[in-house]
Amino acid sequence: MCLALPAQILERAGDDGWVQLGESRMRTSLLLTPDALVGDWVLVHAGFAIQQVSEEDAQETFRLFDEMAEKAQDESR
């Protein structure tokens, strides 16, 4: 299974950049998202930003992850 996570671009220098992924900063290739700018949201998989997404979609993804984590915790009790 593959999973891409939403992250916000903090810095960009050509095809390289830094993104904020939760509490972590991560170096990411922006080669596949040439139009993405600082402040934009992207989906990151295996160190590559693979697609731009809206902030609303990114926040909805975080909400769904939180919901799944809560359900998993409830089931483990």
PDB file of N, CA and C in Angstrom:
ATOM      1  N   MET A   1       0.842  -1.177   0.000  1.00  0.00           N
ATOM      2  CA  MET A   1       0.000   0.000   0.000  1.00  0.00           C
ATOM      3  C   MET A   1       0.885   1.237   0.000  1.00  0.00           C
ATOM      4  N   CYS A   2       0.512   2.208  -0.778  1.00  0.00           N
ATOM      5  CA  CYS A   2       1.239   3.478  -0.833  1.00  0.00           C
ATOM      6  C   CYS A   2       0.408   4.550  -0.151  1.00  0.00           C
ATOM      7  N   LEU A   3       1.096   5.486   0.469  1.00  0.00           N
ATOM      8  CA  LEU A   3       0.408   6.561   1.168  1.00  0.00           C
ATOM      9  C   LEU A   3       1.135   7.861   0.898  1.00  0.00           C
ATOM     10  N   ALA A   4       0.400   8.863   0.462  1.00  0.00           N
ATOM     11  CA  ALA A   4       0.950  10.207   0.273  1.00  0.00           C
ATOM     12  C   ALA A   4       0.299  11.103   1.317  1.00  0.00           C
ATOM     13  N   LEU A   5       1.088  11.960   1.917  1.00  0.00           N
ATOM     14  CA  LEU A   5       0.605  12.836   2.980  1.00  0.00           C
ATOM     15  C   LEU A   5       0.653  14.293   2.545  1.00  0.00           C
ATOM     16  N   PRO A   6      -0.333  15.093   2.965  1.00  0.00           N
ATOM     17  CA  PRO A   6      -0.314  16.506   2.626  1.00  0.00           C
ATOM     18  C   PRO A   6       0.751  17.256   3.419  1.00  0.00           C
ATOM     19  N   ALA A   7       1.412  18.176   2.753  1.00  0.00           N
ATOM     20  CA  ALA A   7       2.439  19.003   3.385  1.00  0.00           C
ATOM     21  C   ALA A   7       2.417  20.379   2.722  1.00  0.00           C
ATOM     22  N   GLN A   8       2.826  21.392   3.481  1.00  0.00           N
ATOM     23  CA  GLN A   8       2.856  22.751   2.952  1.00  0.00           C
ATOM     24  C   GLN A   8       4.285  23.129   2.595  1.00  0.00           C
ATOM     25  N   ILE A   9       4.471  23.719   1.435  1.00  0.00           N
ATOM     26  CA  ILE A   9       5.804  24.116   0.981  1.00  0.00           C
ATOM     27  C   ILE A   9       6.263  25.345   1.772  1.00  0.00           C
ATOM     28  N   LEU A  10       7.441  25.219   2.395  1.00  0.00           N
ATOM     29  CA  LEU A  10       8.031  26.307   3.163  1.00  0.00           C
ATOM     30  C   LEU A  10       9.072  27.078   2.368  1.00  0.00           C
ATOM     31  N   GLU A  11       9.867  26.344   1.588  1.00  0.00           N
ATOM     32  CA  GLU A  11      10.942  26.943   0.790  1.00  0.00           C
ATOM     33  C   GLU A  11      11.022  26.203  -0.535  1.00  0.00           C
ATOM     34  N   ARG A  12      11.433  26.923  -1.552  1.00  0.00           N
ATOM     35  CA  ARG A  12      11.629  26.305  -2.863  1.00  0.00           C
ATOM     36  C   ARG A  12      12.862  26.897  -3.511  1.00  0.00           C
ATOM     37  N   ALA A  13      13.719  26.011  -4.045  1.00  0.00           N
ATOM     38  CA  ALA A  13      14.900  26.418  -4.804  1.00  0.00           C
ATOM     39  C   ALA A  13      14.969  25.490  -6.011  1.00  0.00           C
ATOM     40  N   GLY A  14      14.427  25.942  -7.124  1.00  0.00           N
ATOM     41  CA  GLY A  14      14.379  25.090  -8.312  1.00  0.00           C
ATOM     42  C   GLY A  14      13.450  23.918  -8.075  1.00  0.00           C
ATOM     43  N   ASP A  15      13.968  22.717  -8.252  1.00  0.00           N
ATOM     44  CA  ASP A  15      13.163  21.510  -8.071  1.00  0.00           C
ATOM     45  C   ASP A  15      13.269  20.938  -6.667  1.00  0.00           C
ATOM     46  N   ASP A  16      13.993  21.608  -5.780  1.00  0.00           N
ATOM     47  CA  ASP A  16      14.125  21.148  -4.397  1.00  0.00           C
ATOM     48  C   ASP A  16      13.363  22.083  -3.480  1.00  0.00           C
ATOM     49  N   GLY A  17      12.901  21.528  -2.381  1.00  0.00           N
ATOM     50  CA  GLY A  17      12.193  22.368  -1.425  1.00  0.00           C
ATOM     51  C   GLY A  17      12.134  21.740  -0.058  1.00  0.00           C
ATOM     52  N   TRP A  18      11.609  22.510   0.872  1.00  0.00           N
ATOM     53  CA  TRP A  18      11.355  22.056   2.234  1.00  0.00           C
ATOM     54  C   TRP A  18       9.869  22.195   2.480  1.00  0.00           C
ATOM     55  N   VAL A  19       9.277  21.162   3.079  1.00  0.00           N
ATOM     56  CA  VAL A  19       7.856  21.184   3.394  1.00  0.00           C
ATOM     57  C   VAL A  19       7.658  20.953   4.886  1.00  0.00           C
ATOM     58  N   GLN A  20       6.509  21.414   5.373  1.00  0.00           N
ATOM     59  CA  GLN A  20       6.102  21.150   6.751  1.00  0.00           C
ATOM     60  C   GLN A  20       5.139  19.987   6.704  1.00  0.00           C
ATOM     61  N   LEU A  21       5.511  18.907   7.376  1.00  0.00           N
ATOM     62  CA  LEU A  21       4.689  17.691   7.412  1.00  0.00           C
ATOM     63  C   LEU A  21       4.399  17.394   8.872  1.00  0.00           C
ATOM     64  N   GLY A  22       3.253  17.824   9.341  1.00  0.00           N
ATOM     65  CA  GLY A  22       2.951  17.717  10.767  1.00  0.00           C
ATOM     66  C   GLY A  22       3.906  18.605  11.547  1.00  0.00           C
ATOM     67  N   GLU A  23       4.610  18.027  12.490  1.00  0.00           N
ATOM     68  CA  GLU A  23       5.572  18.770  13.310  1.00  0.00           C
ATOM     69  C   GLU A  23       6.985  18.740  12.701  1.00  0.00           C
ATOM     70  N   SER A  24       7.128  18.097  11.565  1.00  0.00           N
ATOM     71  CA  SER A  24       8.455  17.907  10.963  1.00  0.00           C
ATOM     72  C   SER A  24       8.637  18.728   9.696  1.00  0.00           C
ATOM     73  N   ARG A  25       9.882  19.164   9.498  1.00  0.00           N
ATOM     74  CA  ARG A  25      10.297  19.764   8.226  1.00  0.00           C
ATOM     75  C   ARG A  25      10.997  18.679   7.435  1.00  0.00           C
ATOM     76  N   MET A  26      10.737  18.633   6.141  1.00  0.00           N
ATOM     77  CA  MET A  26      11.280  17.545   5.329  1.00  0.00           C
ATOM     78  C   MET A  26      11.733  18.091   3.981  1.00  0.00           C
ATOM     79  N   ARG A  27      12.923  17.682   3.572  1.00  0.00           N
ATOM     80  CA  ARG A  27      13.385  18.042   2.232  1.00  0.00           C
ATOM     81  C   ARG A  27      12.618  17.202   1.227  1.00  0.00           C
ATOM     82  N   THR A  28      12.152  17.836   0.163  1.00  0.00           N
ATOM     83  CA  THR A  28      11.273  17.173  -0.792  1.00  0.00           C
ATOM     84  C   THR A  28      11.614  17.613  -2.208  1.00  0.00           C
ATOM     85  N   SER A  29      11.563  16.674  -3.128  1.00  0.00           N
ATOM     86  CA  SER A  29      11.718  17.025  -4.533  1.00  0.00           C
ATOM     87  C   SER A  29      10.406  17.588  -5.044  1.00  0.00           C
ATOM     88  N   LEU A  30      10.488  18.732  -5.707  1.00  0.00           N
ATOM     89  CA  LEU A  30       9.312  19.369  -6.299  1.00  0.00           C
ATOM     90  C   LEU A  30       9.316  19.226  -7.820  1.00  0.00           C
ATOM     91  N   LEU A  31      10.133  18.308  -8.318  1.00  0.00           N
ATOM     92  CA  LEU A  31      10.268  18.080  -9.757  1.00  0.00           C
ATOM     93  C   LEU A  31       8.928  17.775 -10.427  1.00  0.00           C
ATOM     94  N   LEU A  32       8.060  17.034  -9.743  1.00  0.00           N
ATOM     95  CA  LEU A  32       6.784  16.623 -10.331  1.00  0.00           C
ATOM     96  C   LEU A  32       5.678  17.656 -10.165  1.00  0.00           C
ATOM     97  N   THR A  33       5.969  18.726  -9.418  1.00  0.00           N
ATOM     98  CA  THR A  33       4.980  19.795  -9.200  1.00  0.00           C
ATOM     99  C   THR A  33       5.624  21.141  -9.528  1.00  0.00           C
ATOM    100  N   PRO A  34       5.962  21.366 -10.791  1.00  0.00           N
ATOM    101  CA  PRO A  34       6.724  22.559 -11.164  1.00  0.00           C
ATOM    102  C   PRO A  34       6.001  23.881 -10.905  1.00  0.00           C
ATOM    103  N   ASP A  35       4.666  23.863 -10.824  1.00  0.00           N
ATOM    104  CA  ASP A  35       3.915  25.103 -10.612  1.00  0.00           C
ATOM    105  C   ASP A  35       3.656  25.413  -9.145  1.00  0.00           C
ATOM    106  N   ALA A  36       4.033  24.504  -8.246  1.00  0.00           N
ATOM    107  CA  ALA A  36       3.780  24.705  -6.817  1.00  0.00           C
ATOM    108  C   ALA A  36       4.709  25.782  -6.261  1.00  0.00           C
ATOM    109  N   LEU A  37       4.142  26.653  -5.443  1.00  0.00           N
ATOM    110  CA  LEU A  37       4.865  27.782  -4.865  1.00  0.00           C
ATOM    111  C   LEU A  37       4.929  27.660  -3.349  1.00  0.00           C
ATOM    112  N   VAL A  38       5.773  28.458  -2.731  1.00  0.00           N
ATOM    113  CA  VAL A  38       5.838  28.525  -1.274  1.00  0.00           C
ATOM    114  C   VAL A  38       4.436  28.866  -0.762  1.00  0.00           C
ATOM    115  N   GLY A  39       3.987  28.122   0.243  1.00  0.00           N
ATOM    116  CA  GLY A  39       2.651  28.301   0.798  1.00  0.00           C
ATOM    117  C   GLY A  39       1.627  27.336   0.247  1.00  0.00           C
ATOM    118  N   ASP A  40       1.912  26.734  -0.922  1.00  0.00           N
ATOM    119  CA  ASP A  40       0.993  25.759  -1.506  1.00  0.00           C
ATOM    120  C   ASP A  40       1.060  24.440  -0.750  1.00  0.00           C
ATOM    121  N   TRP A  41       0.012  23.657  -0.893  1.00  0.00           N
ATOM    122  CA  TRP A  41      -0.062  22.322  -0.309  1.00  0.00           C
ATOM    123  C   TRP A  41       0.170  21.288  -1.405  1.00  0.00           C
ATOM    124  N   VAL A  42       0.914  20.242  -1.049  1.00  0.00           N
ATOM    125  CA  VAL A  42       1.207  19.156  -1.982  1.00  0.00           C
ATOM    126  C   VAL A  42       1.057  17.820  -1.257  1.00  0.00           C
ATOM    127  N   LEU A  43       0.861  16.760  -2.027  1.00  0.00           N
ATOM    128  CA  LEU A  43       0.905  15.409  -1.479  1.00  0.00           C
ATOM    129  C   LEU A  43       2.324  14.904  -1.644  1.00  0.00           C
ATOM    130  N   VAL A  44       2.917  14.407  -0.542  1.00  0.00           N
ATOM    131  CA  VAL A  44       4.301  13.931  -0.564  1.00  0.00           C
ATOM    132  C   VAL A  44       4.323  12.419  -0.385  1.00  0.00           C
ATOM    133  N   HIS A  45       5.038  11.764  -1.281  1.00  0.00           N
ATOM    134  CA  HIS A  45       5.226  10.310  -1.215  1.00  0.00           C
ATOM    135  C   HIS A  45       6.680  10.001  -1.534  1.00  0.00           C
ATOM    136  N   ALA A  46       7.330   9.290  -0.656  1.00  0.00           N
ATOM    137  CA  ALA A  46       8.712   8.838  -0.863  1.00  0.00           C
ATOM    138  C   ALA A  46       9.656   9.989  -1.215  1.00  0.00           C
ATOM    139  N   GLY A  47       9.444  11.145  -0.572  1.00  0.00           N
ATOM    140  CA  GLY A  47      10.342  12.273  -0.781  1.00  0.00           C
ATOM    141  C   GLY A  47      10.035  13.132  -1.990  1.00  0.00           C
ATOM    142  N   PHE A  48       8.932  12.842  -2.677  1.00  0.00           N
ATOM    143  CA  PHE A  48       8.538  13.613  -3.856  1.00  0.00           C
ATOM    144  C   PHE A  48       7.155  14.222  -3.638  1.00  0.00           C
ATOM    145  N   ALA A  49       7.005  15.482  -3.976  1.00  0.00           N
ATOM    146  CA  ALA A  49       5.681  16.099  -4.047  1.00  0.00           C
ATOM    147  C   ALA A  49       5.077  15.621  -5.361  1.00  0.00           C
ATOM    148  N   ILE A  50       3.993  14.863  -5.279  1.00  0.00           N
ATOM    149  CA  ILE A  50       3.449  14.227  -6.487  1.00  0.00           C
ATOM    150  C   ILE A  50       2.226  14.939  -7.051  1.00  0.00           C
ATOM    151  N   GLN A  51       1.613  15.840  -6.244  1.00  0.00           N
ATOM    152  CA  GLN A  51       0.409  16.521  -6.717  1.00  0.00           C
ATOM    153  C   GLN A  51       0.115  17.704  -5.810  1.00  0.00           C
ATOM    154  N   GLN A  52      -0.374  18.781  -6.395  1.00  0.00           N
ATOM    155  CA  GLN A  52      -0.839  19.904  -5.598  1.00  0.00           C
ATOM    156  C   GLN A  52      -2.257  19.611  -5.126  1.00  0.00           C
ATOM    157  N   VAL A  53      -2.586  20.079  -3.905  1.00  0.00           N
ATOM    158  CA  VAL A  53      -3.935  19.941  -3.363  1.00  0.00           C
ATOM    159  C   VAL A  53      -4.325  21.257  -2.705  1.00  0.00           C
ATOM    160  N   SER A  54      -5.604  21.444  -2.509  1.00  0.00           N
ATOM    161  CA  SER A  54      -6.069  22.644  -1.825  1.00  0.00           C
ATOM    162  C   SER A  54      -5.839  22.501  -0.321  1.00  0.00           C
ATOM    163  N   GLU A  55      -5.795  23.618   0.370  1.00  0.00           N
ATOM    164  CA  GLU A  55      -5.654  23.570   1.828  1.00  0.00           C
ATOM    165  C   GLU A  55      -6.852  22.851   2.443  1.00  0.00           C
ATOM    166  N   GLU A  56      -8.033  23.046   1.876  1.00  0.00           N
ATOM    167  CA  GLU A  56      -9.229  22.383   2.389  1.00  0.00           C
ATOM    168  C   GLU A  56      -9.095  20.863   2.289  1.00  0.00           C
ATOM    169  N   ASP A  57      -8.585  20.368   1.159  1.00  0.00           N
ATOM    170  CA  ASP A  57      -8.386  18.927   1.003  1.00  0.00           C
ATOM    171  C   ASP A  57      -7.330  18.409   1.977  1.00  0.00           C
ATOM    172  N   ALA A  58      -6.274  19.182   2.174  1.00  0.00           N
ATOM    173  CA  ALA A  58      -5.232  18.780   3.120  1.00  0.00           C
ATOM    174  C   ALA A  58      -5.808  18.675   4.531  1.00  0.00           C
ATOM    175  N   GLN A  59      -6.588  19.679   4.949  1.00  0.00           N
ATOM    176  CA  GLN A  59      -7.174  19.666   6.288  1.00  0.00           C
ATOM    177  C   GLN A  59      -8.179  18.525   6.450  1.00  0.00           C
ATOM    178  N   GLU A  60      -8.938  18.231   5.413  1.00  0.00           N
ATOM    179  CA  GLU A  60      -9.876  17.104   5.453  1.00  0.00           C
ATOM    180  C   GLU A  60      -9.119  15.785   5.603  1.00  0.00           C
ATOM    181  N   THR A  61      -7.993  15.645   4.934  1.00  0.00           N
ATOM    182  CA  THR A  61      -7.175  14.446   5.065  1.00  0.00           C
ATOM    183  C   THR A  61      -6.679  14.288   6.498  1.00  0.00           C
ATOM    184  N   PHE A  62      -6.205  15.386   7.097  1.00  0.00           N
ATOM    185  CA  PHE A  62      -5.762  15.330   8.498  1.00  0.00           C
ATOM    186  C   PHE A  62      -6.916  14.930   9.416  1.00  0.00           C
ATOM    187  N   ARG A  63      -8.104  15.465   9.156  1.00  0.00           N
ATOM    188  CA  ARG A  63      -9.268  15.137   9.977  1.00  0.00           C
ATOM    189  C   ARG A  63      -9.597  13.645   9.874  1.00  0.00           C
ATOM    190  N   LEU A  64      -9.523  13.105   8.661  1.00  0.00           N
ATOM    191  CA  LEU A  64      -9.803  11.680   8.468  1.00  0.00           C
ATOM    192  C   LEU A  64      -8.752  10.806   9.157  1.00  0.00           C
ATOM    193  N   PHE A  65      -7.478  11.201   9.091  1.00  0.00           N
ATOM    194  CA  PHE A  65      -6.436  10.446   9.796  1.00  0.00           C
ATOM    195  C   PHE A  65      -6.696  10.443  11.297  1.00  0.00           C
ATOM    196  N   ASP A  66      -7.074  11.596  11.850  1.00  0.00           N
ATOM    197  CA  ASP A  66      -7.383  11.682  13.278  1.00  0.00           C
ATOM    198  C   ASP A  66      -8.561  10.767  13.634  1.00  0.00           C
ATOM    199  N   GLU A  67      -9.577  10.776  12.788  1.00  0.00           N
ATOM    200  CA  GLU A  67     -10.750   9.927  13.020  1.00  0.00           C
ATOM    201  C   GLU A  67     -10.374   8.440  13.004  1.00  0.00           C
ATOM    202  N   MET A  68      -9.532   8.047  12.041  1.00  0.00           N
ATOM    203  CA  MET A  68      -9.096   6.644  11.975  1.00  0.00           C
ATOM    204  C   MET A  68      -8.274   6.267  13.204  1.00  0.00           C
ATOM    205  N   ALA A  69      -7.411   7.173  13.658  1.00  0.00           N
ATOM    206  CA  ALA A  69      -6.591   6.896  14.835  1.00  0.00           C
ATOM    207  C   ALA A  69      -7.465   6.725  16.075  1.00  0.00           C
ATOM    208  N   GLU A  70      -8.485   7.563  16.211  1.00  0.00           N
ATOM    209  CA  GLU A  70      -9.397   7.442  17.351  1.00  0.00           C
ATOM    210  C   GLU A  70     -10.132   6.108  17.317  1.00  0.00           C
ATOM    211  N   LYS A  71     -10.616   5.691  16.150  1.00  0.00           N
ATOM    212  CA  LYS A  71     -11.317   4.415  16.028  1.00  0.00           C
ATOM    213  C   LYS A  71     -10.394   3.254  16.361  1.00  0.00           C
ATOM    214  N   ALA A  72      -9.137   3.322  15.900  1.00  0.00           N
ATOM    215  CA  ALA A  72      -8.175   2.261  16.181  1.00  0.00           C
ATOM    216  C   ALA A  72      -7.912   2.179  17.685  1.00  0.00           C
ATOM    217  N   GLN A  73      -7.814   3.324  18.352  1.00  0.00           N
ATOM    218  CA  GLN A  73      -7.606   3.344  19.804  1.00  0.00           C
ATOM    219  C   GLN A  73      -8.798   2.726  20.515  1.00  0.00           C
ATOM    220  N   ASP A  74     -10.002   3.101  20.093  1.00  0.00           N
ATOM    221  CA  ASP A  74     -11.209   2.560  20.715  1.00  0.00           C
ATOM    222  C   ASP A  74     -11.279   1.044  20.564  1.00  0.00           C
ATOM    223  N   GLU A  75     -10.914   0.540  19.402  1.00  0.00           N
ATOM    224  CA  GLU A  75     -10.979  -0.898  19.144  1.00  0.00           C
ATOM    225  C   GLU A  75      -9.923  -1.677  19.921  1.00  0.00           C
ATOM    226  N   SER A  76      -8.827  -1.017  20.268  1.00  0.00           N
ATOM    227  CA  SER A  76      -7.758  -1.718  20.989  1.00  0.00           C
ATOM    228  C   SER A  76      -8.026  -1.783  22.495  1.00  0.00           C
ATOM    229  N   ARG A  77      -9.043  -1.086  22.962  1.00  0.00           N
ATOM    230  CA  ARG A  77      -9.365  -1.083  24.402  1.00  0.00           C
ATOM    231  C   ARG A  77     -10.204  -2.257  24.778  1.00  0.00           C
TER     232      ARG A  77
END
